[in-house]
Amino acid sequence: MDDCTFCGIVAGRLPSFRVLEDEHTLAFLDIRPASRGHTLVVPREHAPGIWAISEAAHGRVARMVHRVAALLKAALDPDGVNVRHATGEAAGQDVLHFHAHVIPRWHGDGLPAPWSAQRASPGHLGRVLAQITSPSTDEGRGAGTPRPGGGSARG
């Protein structure tokens, strides 16, 4: 897409600081880094978000995220790493091209935790599970069978 910033970076029309790349993905430093080494991983093919990217393309992005995280660990020795993706304005997506953030973290770096959450009741979780795995959702058929000890049939 001509008006997509990340498509412009992939095509070489816009400058970037490329970290790693392969036939299907590109990893480059974020120009507004949350931390030193903050890297974005994008598919070369345009997809606006998780609901539009193919499963195969998503898998290729995940593999590149893994490679980038290993490279950042070797080069910068962070204490941890956040991997983050957002689809949709409500989730904080600001560039409509699927991308994953790989953010090195250090103790005391001052970055806030992604969110704070309260423990959900088993009743609430059961109702949500029933809604997600109802026969009306193609992906939900056969998924989510509650198991003793937590988790579901899909884990």
C-alpha atoms as a PDB file:
ATOM      1  CA  MET A   1       0.000   0.000   0.000  1.00  0.00           C
ATOM      2  CA  ASP A   2       1.398   3.359  -1.022  1.00  0.00           C
ATOM      3  CA  ASP A   3       0.227   5.249   2.072  1.00  0.00           C
ATOM      4  CA  CYS A   4       1.399   2.661   4.629  1.00  0.00           C
ATOM      5  CA  THR A   5       4.536   3.718   6.500  1.00  0.00           C
ATOM      6  CA  PHE A   6       5.684   0.150   7.080  1.00  0.00           C
ATOM      7  CA  CYS A   7       5.095  -0.815   3.440  1.00  0.00           C
ATOM      8  CA  GLY A   8       7.299   2.165   2.543  1.00  0.00           C
ATOM      9  CA  ILE A   9      10.016   0.890   4.880  1.00  0.00           C
ATOM     10  CA  VAL A  10       9.736  -2.660   3.506  1.00  0.00           C
ATOM     11  CA  ALA A  11      10.019  -1.319  -0.068  1.00  0.00           C
ATOM     12  CA  GLY A  12      13.004   0.860   0.824  1.00  0.00           C
ATOM     13  CA  ARG A  13      11.167   4.103   0.031  1.00  0.00           C
ATOM     14  CA  LEU A  14      11.447   5.228   3.654  1.00  0.00           C
ATOM     15  CA  PRO A  15      14.586   5.061   5.799  1.00  0.00           C
ATOM     16  CA  SER A  16      14.955   2.527   8.583  1.00  0.00           C
ATOM     17  CA  PHE A  17      17.562   0.921  10.791  1.00  0.00           C
ATOM     18  CA  ARG A  18      17.257  -2.722   9.730  1.00  0.00           C
ATOM     19  CA  VAL A  19      18.124  -5.317  12.344  1.00  0.00           C
ATOM     20  CA  LEU A  20      17.263  -8.586  10.547  1.00  0.00           C
ATOM     21  CA  GLU A  21      15.291  -9.555   7.477  1.00  0.00           C
ATOM     22  CA  ASP A  22      14.341 -12.537   5.407  1.00  0.00           C
ATOM     23  CA  GLU A  23      12.147 -13.247   2.397  1.00  0.00           C
ATOM     24  CA  HIS A  24       8.906 -12.704   4.338  1.00  0.00           C
ATOM     25  CA  THR A  25       9.673 -10.380   7.263  1.00  0.00           C
ATOM     26  CA  LEU A  26      11.647  -7.319   8.254  1.00  0.00           C
ATOM     27  CA  ALA A  27      12.857  -6.261  11.706  1.00  0.00           C
ATOM     28  CA  PHE A  28      13.927  -2.666  12.293  1.00  0.00           C
ATOM     29  CA  LEU A  29      14.530  -0.325  15.216  1.00  0.00           C
ATOM     30  CA  ASP A  30      11.503   1.643  16.410  1.00  0.00           C
ATOM     31  CA  ILE A  31      11.992   5.394  15.872  1.00  0.00           C
ATOM     32  CA  ARG A  32      10.137   6.001  19.170  1.00  0.00           C
ATOM     33  CA  PRO A  33      11.801   3.347  21.315  1.00  0.00           C
ATOM     34  CA  ALA A  34      10.427   2.396  24.705  1.00  0.00           C
ATOM     35  CA  SER A  35      13.901   1.062  25.521  1.00  0.00           C
ATOM     36  CA  ARG A  36      17.329   0.601  23.957  1.00  0.00           C
ATOM     37  CA  GLY A  37      17.004  -1.973  21.169  1.00  0.00           C
ATOM     38  CA  HIS A  38      13.180  -1.709  20.828  1.00  0.00           C
ATOM     39  CA  THR A  39      12.590  -3.472  17.515  1.00  0.00           C
ATOM     40  CA  LEU A  40       9.535  -3.827  15.285  1.00  0.00           C
ATOM     41  CA  VAL A  41       8.906  -6.978  13.250  1.00  0.00           C
ATOM     42  CA  VAL A  42       6.598  -6.700  10.234  1.00  0.00           C
ATOM     43  CA  PRO A  43       5.496  -8.995   7.434  1.00  0.00           C
ATOM     44  CA  ARG A  44       6.599  -7.781   4.010  1.00  0.00           C
ATOM     45  CA  GLU A  45       3.044  -8.310   2.759  1.00  0.00           C
ATOM     46  CA  HIS A  46       0.550  -5.710   3.983  1.00  0.00           C
ATOM     47  CA  ALA A  47      -2.054  -6.826   6.507  1.00  0.00           C
ATOM     48  CA  PRO A  48      -3.666  -4.232   8.774  1.00  0.00           C
ATOM     49  CA  GLY A  49      -3.849  -6.427  11.884  1.00  0.00           C
ATOM     50  CA  ILE A  50      -4.204  -9.873  13.449  1.00  0.00           C
ATOM     51  CA  TRP A  51      -7.648 -10.412  11.928  1.00  0.00           C
ATOM     52  CA  ALA A  52      -6.293  -9.857   8.417  1.00  0.00           C
ATOM     53  CA  ILE A  53      -2.899 -11.577   8.475  1.00  0.00           C
ATOM     54  CA  SER A  54      -2.722 -15.181   7.297  1.00  0.00           C
ATOM     55  CA  GLU A  55      -1.797 -17.850   9.805  1.00  0.00           C
ATOM     56  CA  ALA A  56       1.318 -18.632   7.757  1.00  0.00           C
ATOM     57  CA  ALA A  57       2.442 -14.986   7.691  1.00  0.00           C
ATOM     58  CA  HIS A  58       1.784 -14.678  11.418  1.00  0.00           C
ATOM     59  CA  GLY A  59       3.952 -17.736  12.021  1.00  0.00           C
ATOM     60  CA  ARG A  60       6.781 -16.194  10.010  1.00  0.00           C
ATOM     61  CA  VAL A  61       6.543 -12.989  12.075  1.00  0.00           C
ATOM     62  CA  ALA A  62       6.640 -15.088  15.267  1.00  0.00           C
ATOM     63  CA  ARG A  63       9.785 -16.870  14.086  1.00  0.00           C
ATOM     64  CA  MET A  64      11.465 -13.526  13.341  1.00  0.00           C
ATOM     65  CA  VAL A  65      10.399 -12.211  16.773  1.00  0.00           C
ATOM     66  CA  HIS A  66      12.164 -15.217  18.298  1.00  0.00           C
ATOM     67  CA  ARG A  67      15.337 -14.492  16.293  1.00  0.00           C
ATOM     68  CA  VAL A  68      15.253 -10.791  17.232  1.00  0.00           C
ATOM     69  CA  ALA A  69      14.760 -11.577  20.929  1.00  0.00           C
ATOM     70  CA  ALA A  70      17.777 -13.907  20.843  1.00  0.00           C
ATOM     71  CA  LEU A  71      19.881 -11.286  19.053  1.00  0.00           C
ATOM     72  CA  LEU A  72      18.893  -8.583  21.542  1.00  0.00           C
ATOM     73  CA  LYS A  73      19.714 -10.898  24.468  1.00  0.00           C
ATOM     74  CA  ALA A  74      23.157 -11.628  23.023  1.00  0.00           C
ATOM     75  CA  ALA A  75      23.919  -8.019  22.106  1.00  0.00           C
ATOM     76  CA  LEU A  76      22.344  -6.006  24.935  1.00  0.00           C
ATOM     77  CA  ASP A  77      21.904  -8.563  27.753  1.00  0.00           C
ATOM     78  CA  PRO A  78      18.512  -7.314  28.986  1.00  0.00           C
ATOM     79  CA  ASP A  79      16.949  -8.759  32.135  1.00  0.00           C
ATOM     80  CA  GLY A  80      13.735  -9.522  30.242  1.00  0.00           C
ATOM     81  CA  VAL A  81      11.755  -8.768  27.120  1.00  0.00           C
ATOM     82  CA  ASN A  82       8.206  -7.737  26.279  1.00  0.00           C
ATOM     83  CA  VAL A  83       6.670  -8.887  23.008  1.00  0.00           C
ATOM     84  CA  ARG A  84       3.620  -6.812  22.195  1.00  0.00           C
ATOM     85  CA  HIS A  85       1.079  -6.541  19.405  1.00  0.00           C
ATOM     86  CA  ALA A  86      -2.048  -4.402  19.135  1.00  0.00           C
ATOM     87  CA  THR A  87      -4.873  -4.636  16.601  1.00  0.00           C
ATOM     88  CA  GLY A  88      -7.401  -1.836  16.555  1.00  0.00           C
ATOM     89  CA  GLU A  89      -7.529   1.653  17.980  1.00  0.00           C
ATOM     90  CA  ALA A  90      -9.001   0.370  21.264  1.00  0.00           C
ATOM     91  CA  ALA A  91      -5.858  -1.733  21.750  1.00  0.00           C
ATOM     92  CA  GLY A  92      -3.519   1.144  20.915  1.00  0.00           C
ATOM     93  CA  GLN A  93      -2.618   0.292  17.315  1.00  0.00           C
ATOM     94  CA  ASP A  94      -1.219   3.380  15.618  1.00  0.00           C
ATOM     95  CA  VAL A  95       0.128   1.982  12.312  1.00  0.00           C
ATOM     96  CA  LEU A  96      -2.329  -0.109  10.302  1.00  0.00           C
ATOM     97  CA  HIS A  97       0.210  -2.750   9.251  1.00  0.00           C
ATOM     98  CA  PHE A  98       0.559  -5.845  11.433  1.00  0.00           C
ATOM     99  CA  HIS A  99       3.643  -5.551  13.615  1.00  0.00           C
ATOM    100  CA  ALA A 100       5.125  -6.940  16.792  1.00  0.00           C
ATOM    101  CA  HIS A 101       7.196  -4.928  19.250  1.00  0.00           C
ATOM    102  CA  VAL A 102      10.211  -6.647  20.799  1.00  0.00           C
ATOM    103  CA  ILE A 103      11.129  -4.488  23.793  1.00  0.00           C
ATOM    104  CA  PRO A 104      14.210  -5.300  25.870  1.00  0.00           C
ATOM    105  CA  ARG A 105      13.655  -4.679  29.600  1.00  0.00           C
ATOM    106  CA  TRP A 106      16.001  -4.040  32.500  1.00  0.00           C
ATOM    107  CA  HIS A 107      15.288  -3.989  36.214  1.00  0.00           C
ATOM    108  CA  GLY A 108      14.514  -0.404  37.194  1.00  0.00           C
ATOM    109  CA  ASP A 109      14.051   0.802  33.593  1.00  0.00           C
ATOM    110  CA  GLY A 110      10.963   2.774  34.624  1.00  0.00           C
ATOM    111  CA  LEU A 111       8.696   1.364  31.923  1.00  0.00           C
ATOM    112  CA  PRO A 112       5.204   0.603  33.220  1.00  0.00           C
ATOM    113  CA  ALA A 113       3.835  -2.914  33.227  1.00  0.00           C
ATOM    114  CA  PRO A 114       1.512  -3.518  30.256  1.00  0.00           C
ATOM    115  CA  TRP A 115      -1.568  -3.640  32.510  1.00  0.00           C
ATOM    116  CA  SER A 116      -2.660  -4.530  35.985  1.00  0.00           C
ATOM    117  CA  ALA A 117      -5.411  -7.073  36.357  1.00  0.00           C
ATOM    118  CA  GLN A 118      -7.512  -8.636  39.087  1.00  0.00           C
ATOM    119  CA  ARG A 119      -8.091 -12.359  39.399  1.00  0.00           C
ATOM    120  CA  ALA A 120     -11.312 -13.509  37.704  1.00  0.00           C
ATOM    121  CA  SER A 121     -13.752 -15.860  39.396  1.00  0.00           C
ATOM    122  CA  PRO A 122     -14.174 -19.400  38.035  1.00  0.00           C
ATOM    123  CA  GLY A 123     -17.812 -18.536  37.230  1.00  0.00           C
ATOM    124  CA  HIS A 124     -16.796 -15.551  35.132  1.00  0.00           C
ATOM    125  CA  LEU A 125     -14.109 -17.558  33.333  1.00  0.00           C
ATOM    126  CA  GLY A 126     -16.610 -20.348  32.627  1.00  0.00           C
ATOM    127  CA  ARG A 127     -19.110 -17.901  31.095  1.00  0.00           C
ATOM    128  CA  VAL A 128     -16.430 -16.315  28.921  1.00  0.00           C
ATOM    129  CA  LEU A 129     -15.151 -19.745  27.857  1.00  0.00           C
ATOM    130  CA  ALA A 130     -18.685 -20.807  26.895  1.00  0.00           C
ATOM    131  CA  GLN A 131     -19.120 -17.662  24.806  1.00  0.00           C
ATOM    132  CA  ILE A 132     -15.751 -18.078  23.058  1.00  0.00           C
ATOM    133  CA  THR A 133     -16.192 -21.790  22.333  1.00  0.00           C
ATOM    134  CA  SER A 134     -19.855 -21.739  21.352  1.00  0.00           C
ATOM    135  CA  PRO A 135     -20.832 -23.630  18.181  1.00  0.00           C
ATOM    136  CA  SER A 136     -21.544 -20.275  16.513  1.00  0.00           C
ATOM    137  CA  THR A 137     -17.809 -19.546  16.308  1.00  0.00           C
ATOM    138  CA  ASP A 138     -15.969 -21.665  13.741  1.00  0.00           C
ATOM    139  CA  GLU A 139     -12.674 -21.526  15.627  1.00  0.00           C
ATOM    140  CA  GLY A 140     -14.395 -22.365  18.909  1.00  0.00           C
ATOM    141  CA  ARG A 141     -15.765 -25.778  17.966  1.00  0.00           C
ATOM    142  CA  GLY A 142     -14.166 -28.396  20.179  1.00  0.00           C
ATOM    143  CA  ALA A 143     -11.912 -25.921  21.925  1.00  0.00           C
ATOM    144  CA  GLY A 144     -11.836 -24.893  25.497  1.00  0.00           C
ATOM    145  CA  THR A 145     -12.878 -28.076  27.271  1.00  0.00           C
ATOM    146  CA  PRO A 146     -12.247 -27.272  30.933  1.00  0.00           C
ATOM    147  CA  ARG A 147      -9.679 -29.539  32.595  1.00  0.00           C
ATOM    148  CA  PRO A 148      -8.974 -30.101  36.266  1.00  0.00           C
ATOM    149  CA  GLY A 149      -5.990 -28.037  37.321  1.00  0.00           C
ATOM    150  CA  GLY A 150      -6.729 -25.207  34.914  1.00  0.00           C
ATOM    151  CA  GLY A 151      -6.302 -24.623  31.245  1.00  0.00           C
ATOM    152  CA  SER A 152      -8.327 -26.100  28.449  1.00  0.00           C
ATOM    153  CA  ALA A 153      -7.992 -28.762  25.805  1.00  0.00           C
ATOM    154  CA  ARG A 154      -6.001 -26.246  23.752  1.00  0.00           C
ATOM    155  CA  GLY A 155      -3.944 -25.164  26.748  1.00  0.00           C
END
